[in-house]
C-alpha atoms as a PDB file:
ATOM      1  CA  MET A   1      96.196  79.436 100.479  1.00  0.00           C
ATOM      2  CA  ASN A   2      99.688  79.497 102.011  1.00  0.00           C
ATOM      3  CA  THR A   3     100.670  79.809 105.464  1.00  0.00           C
ATOM      4  CA  CYS A   4     103.855  80.531 107.320  1.00  0.00           C
ATOM      5  CA  ARG A   5     104.494  78.578 109.939  1.00  0.00           C
ATOM      6  CA  SER A   6     107.307  78.755 112.625  1.00  0.00           C
ATOM      7  CA  HIS A   7     111.068  76.810 112.617  1.00  0.00           C
ATOM      8  CA  PRO A   8     112.118  75.681 115.529  1.00  0.00           C
ATOM      9  CA  HIS A   9     115.957  76.388 114.234  1.00  0.00           C
ATOM     10  CA  HIS A  10     114.526  80.093 113.469  1.00  0.00           C
ATOM     11  CA  ILE A  11     116.204  81.841 116.906  1.00  0.00           C
ATOM     12  CA  ALA A  12     115.272  85.763 117.135  1.00  0.00           C
ATOM     13  CA  ASP A  13     118.454  87.670 118.417  1.00  0.00           C
ATOM     14  CA  HIS A  14     116.434  90.299 120.686  1.00  0.00           C
ATOM     15  CA  ARG A  15     117.640  90.856 123.767  1.00  0.00           C
ATOM     16  CA  ASP A  16     114.099  91.981 125.424  1.00  0.00           C
ATOM     17  CA  GLN A  17     112.589  88.382 124.449  1.00  0.00           C
ATOM     18  CA  THR A  18     114.704  86.851 126.776  1.00  0.00           C
ATOM     19  CA  ARG A  19     112.945  84.671 129.133  1.00  0.00           C
ATOM     20  CA  GLU A  20     113.702  84.809 132.342  1.00  0.00           C
ATOM     21  CA  PRO A  21     112.352  81.841 135.486  1.00  0.00           C
ATOM     22  CA  SER A  22     109.314  82.517 137.279  1.00  0.00           C
ATOM     23  CA  GLU A  23     106.255  81.007 139.180  1.00  0.00           C
ATOM     24  CA  GLN A  24     104.172  80.696 135.704  1.00  0.00           C
ATOM     25  CA  HIS A  25     106.839  78.912 133.790  1.00  0.00           C
ATOM     26  CA  PRO A  26     109.542  78.004 136.508  1.00  0.00           C
ATOM     27  CA  ALA A  27     110.799  75.530 133.409  1.00  0.00           C
ATOM     28  CA  ALA A  28     111.435  78.659 130.723  1.00  0.00           C
ATOM     29  CA  PRO A  29     115.044  79.228 129.908  1.00  0.00           C
ATOM     30  CA  PRO A  30     117.060  82.195 130.415  1.00  0.00           C
ATOM     31  CA  TYR A  31     118.103  82.802 126.607  1.00  0.00           C
ATOM     32  CA  PRO A  32     115.748  84.077 123.257  1.00  0.00           C
ATOM     33  CA  VAL A  33     113.080  82.243 122.430  1.00  0.00           C
ATOM     34  CA  ALA A  34     112.222  80.479 119.252  1.00  0.00           C
ATOM     35  CA  THR A  35     109.955  83.040 117.404  1.00  0.00           C
ATOM     36  CA  ASP A  36     108.188  82.964 114.064  1.00  0.00           C
ATOM     37  CA  ILE A  37     109.118  86.682 113.209  1.00  0.00           C
ATOM     38  CA  ALA A  38     112.960  84.560 111.011  1.00  0.00           C
ATOM     39  CA  PRO A  39     111.417  84.198 107.045  1.00  0.00           C
ATOM     40  CA  CYS A  40     108.751  81.869 106.375  1.00  0.00           C
ATOM     41  CA  SER A  41     108.950  79.097 103.884  1.00  0.00           C
ATOM     42  CA  SER A  42     110.904  79.629 100.970  1.00  0.00           C
ATOM     43  CA  ASP A  43     107.844  79.113  98.911  1.00  0.00           C
ATOM     44  CA  THR A  44     106.110  82.229  99.824  1.00  0.00           C
ATOM     45  CA  GLY A  45     109.431  84.371 101.174  1.00  0.00           C
ATOM     46  CA  MET A  46     107.441  87.001 103.212  1.00  0.00           C
ATOM     47  CA  VAL A  47     108.842  87.613 106.447  1.00  0.00           C
ATOM     48  CA  LYS A  48     106.458  88.722 109.639  1.00  0.00           C
ATOM     49  CA  ILE A  49     106.019  92.625 110.749  1.00  0.00           C
ATOM     50  CA  GLY A  50     108.464  92.209 113.596  1.00  0.00           C
ATOM     51  CA  GLU A  51     111.574  90.891 110.897  1.00  0.00           C
ATOM     52  CA  ALA A  52     110.555  93.610 108.711  1.00  0.00           C
ATOM     53  CA  ALA A  53     111.075  96.241 110.988  1.00  0.00           C
ATOM     54  CA  ARG A  54     114.880  94.109 112.485  1.00  0.00           C
ATOM     55  CA  ILE A  55     115.533  94.583 108.547  1.00  0.00           C
ATOM     56  CA  LEU A  56     114.563  98.173 108.379  1.00  0.00           C
ATOM     57  CA  GLY A  57     116.313  99.852 111.482  1.00  0.00           C
ATOM     58  CA  ILE A  58     112.251 101.075 112.766  1.00  0.00           C
ATOM     59  CA  SER A  59     110.276  99.921 115.201  1.00  0.00           C
ATOM     60  CA  ILE A  60     106.662  97.826 114.610  1.00  0.00           C
ATOM     61  CA  ARG A  61     104.935 100.713 115.349  1.00  0.00           C
ATOM     62  CA  THR A  62     106.407 102.976 112.524  1.00  0.00           C
ATOM     63  CA  ILE A  63     105.554 100.622 110.296  1.00  0.00           C
ATOM     64  CA  HIS A  64     102.052 100.620 111.566  1.00  0.00           C
ATOM     65  CA  MET A  65     102.000 104.239 110.979  1.00  0.00           C
ATOM     66  CA  TYR A  66     102.728 104.146 107.474  1.00  0.00           C
ATOM     67  CA  GLU A  67     100.566 101.810 106.965  1.00  0.00           C
ATOM     68  CA  ARG A  68      97.342 104.145 108.442  1.00  0.00           C
ATOM     69  CA  GLU A  69      98.687 106.862 106.796  1.00  0.00           C
ATOM     70  CA  GLY A  70      97.540 105.115 103.218  1.00  0.00           C
ATOM     71  CA  LEU A  71     101.616 104.519 102.346  1.00  0.00           C
ATOM     72  CA  PHE A  72     101.074 101.154 102.067  1.00  0.00           C
ATOM     73  CA  ILE A  73      98.815  97.848 102.392  1.00  0.00           C
ATOM     74  CA  SER A  74     100.462  94.999 104.125  1.00  0.00           C
ATOM     75  CA  PHE A  75      99.247  91.797 103.709  1.00  0.00           C
ATOM     76  CA  LYS A  76      97.438  89.843 106.928  1.00  0.00           C
ATOM     77  CA  ASN A  77      96.239  86.371 106.751  1.00  0.00           C
ATOM     78  CA  GLU A  78      93.315  85.298 108.617  1.00  0.00           C
ATOM     79  CA  ALA A  79      94.852  85.941 112.194  1.00  0.00           C
ATOM     80  CA  GLY A  80      95.511  89.745 111.339  1.00  0.00           C
ATOM     81  CA  THR A  81      99.087  88.393 111.011  1.00  0.00           C
ATOM     82  CA  ARG A  82     101.309  91.219 108.769  1.00  0.00           C
ATOM     83  CA  TYR A  83     103.660  89.799 106.161  1.00  0.00           C
ATOM     84  CA  PHE A  84     105.574  91.315 103.931  1.00  0.00           C
ATOM     85  CA  SER A  85     106.890  90.448 100.755  1.00  0.00           C
ATOM     86  CA  LYS A  86     110.583  91.792  99.156  1.00  0.00           C
ATOM     87  CA  ASP A  87     108.796  94.408  97.241  1.00  0.00           C
ATOM     88  CA  ASP A  88     107.436  95.604 100.403  1.00  0.00           C
ATOM     89  CA  ILE A  89     110.242  96.231 101.836  1.00  0.00           C
ATOM     90  CA  GLN A  90     112.102  97.545  99.354  1.00  0.00           C
ATOM     91  CA  TRP A  91     109.014 100.084  99.466  1.00  0.00           C
ATOM     92  CA  LEU A  92     109.492 100.747 102.823  1.00  0.00           C
ATOM     93  CA  ILE A  93     113.512 101.653 102.526  1.00  0.00           C
ATOM     94  CA  GLU A  94     111.791 104.006  99.959  1.00  0.00           C
ATOM     95  CA  LEU A  95     109.618 105.930 102.135  1.00  0.00           C
ATOM     96  CA  ARG A  96     112.232 106.155 104.819  1.00  0.00           C
ATOM     97  CA  ARG A  97     114.999 107.465 101.650  1.00  0.00           C
ATOM     98  CA  MET A  98     111.832 109.850 101.025  1.00  0.00           C
ATOM     99  CA  ILE A  99     111.507 110.866 104.758  1.00  0.00           C
ATOM    100  CA  LYS A 100     115.086 111.701 105.343  1.00  0.00           C
ATOM    101  CA  SER A 101     115.587 114.333 102.069  1.00  0.00           C
ATOM    102  CA  SER A 102     112.324 116.071 104.120  1.00  0.00           C
ATOM    103  CA  LEU A 103     109.296 114.614 101.858  1.00  0.00           C
ATOM    104  CA  SER A 104     107.140 114.989 104.346  1.00  0.00           C
ATOM    105  CA  ILE A 105     104.357 111.803 105.133  1.00  0.00           C
ATOM    106  CA  ALA A 106     101.035 114.130 103.294  1.00  0.00           C
ATOM    107  CA  GLY A 107     103.600 114.521 100.574  1.00  0.00           C
ATOM    108  CA  ILE A 108     104.315 111.196  99.790  1.00  0.00           C
ATOM    109  CA  ARG A 109     100.374 110.297  99.571  1.00  0.00           C
ATOM    110  CA  ALA A 110      99.899 113.845  97.763  1.00  0.00           C
ATOM    111  CA  LEU A 111     102.404 112.225  95.170  1.00  0.00           C
ATOM    112  CA  MET A 112     100.671 108.647  94.935  1.00  0.00           C
ATOM    113  CA  ALA A 113      97.209 110.421  95.075  1.00  0.00           C
ATOM    114  CA  LEU A 114      98.696 111.738  91.057  1.00  0.00           C
ATOM    115  CA  ILE A 115      98.493 108.478  89.905  1.00  0.00           C
ATOM    116  CA  PRO A 116      95.680 108.306  87.521  1.00  0.00           C
ATOM    117  CA  CYS A 117      94.007 104.706  88.375  1.00  0.00           C
ATOM    118  CA  TRP A 118      90.796 106.059  86.612  1.00  0.00           C
ATOM    119  CA  GLU A 119      93.229 105.613  83.292  1.00  0.00           C
ATOM    120  CA  ILE A 120      95.412 102.503  84.352  1.00  0.00           C
ATOM    121  CA  ARG A 121      92.275 100.943  85.099  1.00  0.00           C
ATOM    122  CA  HIS A 122      90.154 101.953  82.427  1.00  0.00           C
ATOM    123  CA  CYS A 123      87.208 103.217  84.381  1.00  0.00           C
ATOM    124  CA  ASP A 124      84.215 103.999  82.252  1.00  0.00           C
ATOM    125  CA  TYR A 125      83.052 107.709  82.190  1.00  0.00           C
ATOM    126  CA  ARG A 126      79.685 106.884  84.569  1.00  0.00           C
ATOM    127  CA  SER A 127      82.608 105.150  87.269  1.00  0.00           C
ATOM    128  CA  ARG A 128      84.871 108.330  86.749  1.00  0.00           C
ATOM    129  CA  ASN A 129      81.907 111.208  87.564  1.00  0.00           C
ATOM    130  CA  ASN A 130      81.269 109.087  90.739  1.00  0.00           C
ATOM    131  CA  CYS A 131      85.141 108.285  92.325  1.00  0.00           C
ATOM    132  CA  PRO A 132      86.409 109.742  94.725  1.00  0.00           C
ATOM    133  CA  ALA A 133      89.978 108.706  93.305  1.00  0.00           C
ATOM    134  CA  ILE A 134      89.622 111.535  90.487  1.00  0.00           C
ATOM    135  CA  THR A 135      88.985 114.311  93.204  1.00  0.00           C
ATOM    136  CA  ASP A 136      90.786 113.399  96.170  1.00  0.00           C
ATOM    137  CA  HIS A 137      94.250 114.621  95.777  1.00  0.00           C
ATOM    138  CA  ASP A 138      95.183 114.074  99.396  1.00  0.00           C
ATOM    139  CA  ALA A 139      95.683 110.382  99.226  1.00  0.00           C
ATOM    140  CA  PRO A 140      95.738 107.060  96.527  1.00  0.00           C
ATOM    141  CA  CYS A 141      93.062 105.364  95.333  1.00  0.00           C
ATOM    142  CA  TRP A 142      93.712 102.899  97.525  1.00  0.00           C
ATOM    143  CA  ALA A 143      93.989 104.693 100.983  1.00  0.00           C
ATOM    144  CA  ASN A 144      89.954 105.993  99.493  1.00  0.00           C
ATOM    145  CA  GLN A 145      87.811 105.068 101.896  1.00  0.00           C
ATOM    146  CA  ASN A 146      85.202 105.397  99.159  1.00  0.00           C
ATOM    147  CA  ASN A 147      86.995 103.099  97.220  1.00  0.00           C
ATOM    148  CA  LEU A 148      85.007 102.222  94.248  1.00  0.00           C
ATOM    149  CA  CYS A 149      87.277  99.143  92.952  1.00  0.00           C
ATOM    150  CA  GLU A 150      86.244  97.598  96.318  1.00  0.00           C
ATOM    151  CA  GLU A 151      83.207  97.455  95.417  1.00  0.00           C
ATOM    152  CA  THR A 152      83.439  95.414  92.484  1.00  0.00           C
ATOM    153  CA  GLY A 153      86.000  93.230  94.602  1.00  0.00           C
ATOM    154  CA  GLN A 154      89.337  94.134  93.088  1.00  0.00           C
ATOM    155  CA  GLN A 155      92.131  94.059  95.361  1.00  0.00           C
ATOM    156  CA  CYS A 156      94.008  96.781  95.750  1.00  0.00           C
ATOM    157  CA  ARG A 157      97.239  94.986  97.247  1.00  0.00           C
ATOM    158  CA  GLN A 158      97.162  92.681  92.933  1.00  0.00           C
ATOM    159  CA  CYS A 159      96.527  96.109  91.172  1.00  0.00           C
ATOM    160  CA  GLU A 160      98.558  97.486  88.822  1.00  0.00           C
ATOM    161  CA  VAL A 161      97.904 100.988  90.064  1.00  0.00           C
ATOM    162  CA  TYR A 162      99.091  99.857  93.760  1.00  0.00           C
ATOM    163  CA  LYS A 163     102.299  98.325  92.347  1.00  0.00           C
ATOM    164  CA  LEU A 164     103.276 101.440  90.947  1.00  0.00           C
ATOM    165  CA  ARG A 165     103.973 103.138  94.107  1.00  0.00           C
ATOM    166  CA  PHE A 166     107.013 100.732  94.269  1.00  0.00           C
ATOM    167  CA  LYS A 167     108.457 101.976  91.154  1.00  0.00           C
ATOM    168  CA  VAL A 168     109.422 105.842  92.445  1.00  0.00           C
ATOM    169  CA  ALA A 169     110.777 106.315  88.673  1.00  0.00           C
ATOM    170  CA  THR A 170     107.579 105.306  87.197  1.00  0.00           C
ATOM    171  CA  LEU A 171     105.762 107.065  89.647  1.00  0.00           C
ATOM    172  CA  LYS A 172     107.553 110.344  88.564  1.00  0.00           C
ATOM    173  CA  ASN A 173     107.483 109.269  85.198  1.00  0.00           C
ATOM    174  CA  ILE A 174     103.614 109.324  85.387  1.00  0.00           C
ATOM    175  CA  VAL A 175     103.734 112.771  86.962  1.00  0.00           C
ATOM    176  CA  GLU A 176     105.713 114.171  84.218  1.00  0.00           C
ATOM    177  CA  ILE A 177     103.759 112.770  81.457  1.00  0.00           C
ATOM    178  CA  LYS A 178     100.402 113.801  83.264  1.00  0.00           C
ATOM    179  CA  LEU A 179     101.760 117.166  83.185  1.00  0.00           C
ATOM    180  CA  LYS A 180     103.054 117.981  79.932  1.00  0.00           C
ATOM    181  CA  GLU A 181      99.691 116.240  78.319  1.00  0.00           C
ATOM    182  CA  GLY A 182      98.128 118.988  80.545  1.00  0.00           C
ATOM    183  CA  PRO A 183      94.361 118.614  81.150  1.00  0.00           C
END
């Protein structure tokens, strides 16, 4: 697995991260310190959560809240550091747009819960009868704690159902098709 490394030439432009000389660090310079929230190596194309927040113009806490609410799954390395791809950032931009257009977080979750994962993944009849994603209309399958896919080892972040949420137009088409087909 590729791991991101800090590049010493990347300097964070955050005024609150300047260091003042102190008793603990008498030689600490009073200028921004190098951090690894700048883009990681070009082969991964991913950024850390601080850089994602800067790009989006939102706080890290807001990104954490979106994740807690089941609106997306962040990639975490072994140490638990969150990384974001261009698609992740694009989805967060789309989330912000939907929220600013008066769609609530619960409403966005409910829309994503309409994705018929059992049909897309071609679940067998037994799985469908036991699957909470079919009866839970409040959250998408990847946000459901009793997700059956996890039992099979399916990684939600790589799942075709999860990837559909990146394409709001596709989500809209799926909902329209399901409404036209009926039960």
